[in-house]
Amino acid sequence: MCSAHECMDFTDSAITYALLIFPTLFAITVIFQGISKMAKEESDGPVAIGVGVFLLLLIAAAYFLFIR
């Protein structure tokens, strides 16, 4: 059995990148959805872009503050 520190070791780059791929793809999808809505002149397009950028910032902060 491993201790909590050994089981939650995020310093290995393969685990780190695997954990960050899906949230990053989701954020990029939200941004592209916002761009698509802006192209259709829908009013909630900028909101979707803002949420996507916010998610990317959270992912970057998690990488630099907690994982690295």
Protein backbone atom coordinates (compact mmCIF):
# COMPACT_ATOMS: atom_id res chain seq x y z
CA MET A 1 0.00 0.00 0.00
CA CYS A 2 1.30 3.47 -0.76
CA SER A 3 1.02 6.62 1.27
CA ALA A 4 -1.11 9.52 0.07
CA HIS A 5 1.96 11.37 -1.21
CA GLU A 6 3.22 8.42 -3.24
CA CYS A 7 -0.16 7.67 -4.82
CA MET A 8 -0.81 11.28 -5.77
CA ASP A 9 2.58 12.00 -7.32
CA PHE A 10 1.85 14.40 -10.20
CA THR A 11 5.49 15.10 -10.99
CA ASP A 12 5.60 12.39 -13.66
CA SER A 13 5.04 14.20 -16.94
CA ALA A 14 2.99 11.42 -18.57
CA ILE A 15 0.38 11.50 -15.80
CA THR A 16 0.34 15.29 -15.80
CA TYR A 17 -0.28 15.59 -19.52
CA ALA A 18 -2.92 12.85 -19.45
CA LEU A 19 -4.82 14.68 -16.71
CA LEU A 20 -4.67 18.00 -18.56
CA ILE A 21 -5.67 16.82 -22.05
CA PHE A 22 -9.42 16.44 -21.50
CA PRO A 23 -10.00 19.75 -19.67
CA THR A 24 -7.94 21.55 -22.31
CA LEU A 25 -9.92 19.98 -25.15
CA PHE A 26 -13.15 20.92 -23.39
CA ALA A 27 -12.02 24.55 -22.99
CA ILE A 28 -10.99 24.76 -26.65
CA THR A 29 -14.35 23.28 -27.68
CA VAL A 30 -16.18 25.92 -25.64
CA ILE A 31 -14.12 28.67 -27.28
CA PHE A 32 -14.86 27.34 -30.78
CA GLN A 33 -18.54 27.06 -29.89
CA GLY A 34 -18.45 30.73 -28.86
CA ILE A 35 -16.80 31.68 -32.15
CA SER A 36 -19.48 29.73 -34.02
CA LYS A 37 -22.22 31.52 -32.07
CA MET A 38 -20.63 34.90 -32.80
CA ALA A 39 -20.53 34.05 -36.50
CA LYS A 40 -24.28 33.35 -36.30
CA GLU A 41 -24.69 36.66 -34.45
CA GLU A 42 -26.09 35.03 -31.32
CA SER A 43 -25.87 37.10 -28.15
CA ASP A 44 -24.25 34.45 -25.95
CA GLY A 45 -21.18 33.93 -28.15
CA PRO A 46 -18.86 36.23 -26.18
CA VAL A 47 -19.96 34.56 -22.95
CA ALA A 48 -18.91 31.15 -24.26
CA ILE A 49 -15.56 32.53 -25.39
CA GLY A 50 -15.04 34.12 -21.98
CA VAL A 51 -15.85 30.88 -20.18
CA GLY A 52 -13.46 28.95 -22.44
CA VAL A 53 -10.63 31.40 -21.84
CA PHE A 54 -11.33 31.31 -18.11
CA LEU A 55 -11.12 27.52 -18.16
CA LEU A 56 -7.81 27.65 -20.02
CA LEU A 57 -6.48 30.07 -17.41
CA LEU A 58 -7.56 27.71 -14.63
CA ILE A 59 -5.84 24.80 -16.35
CA ALA A 60 -2.65 26.84 -16.76
CA ALA A 61 -2.79 27.94 -13.12
CA ALA A 62 -3.27 24.34 -11.97
CA TYR A 63 -0.28 23.25 -14.05
CA PHE A 64 2.08 25.97 -12.87
CA LEU A 65 0.94 26.23 -9.24
CA PHE A 66 0.15 22.66 -8.26
CA ILE A 67 1.66 20.19 -10.69
CA ARG A 68 4.96 21.71 -11.63
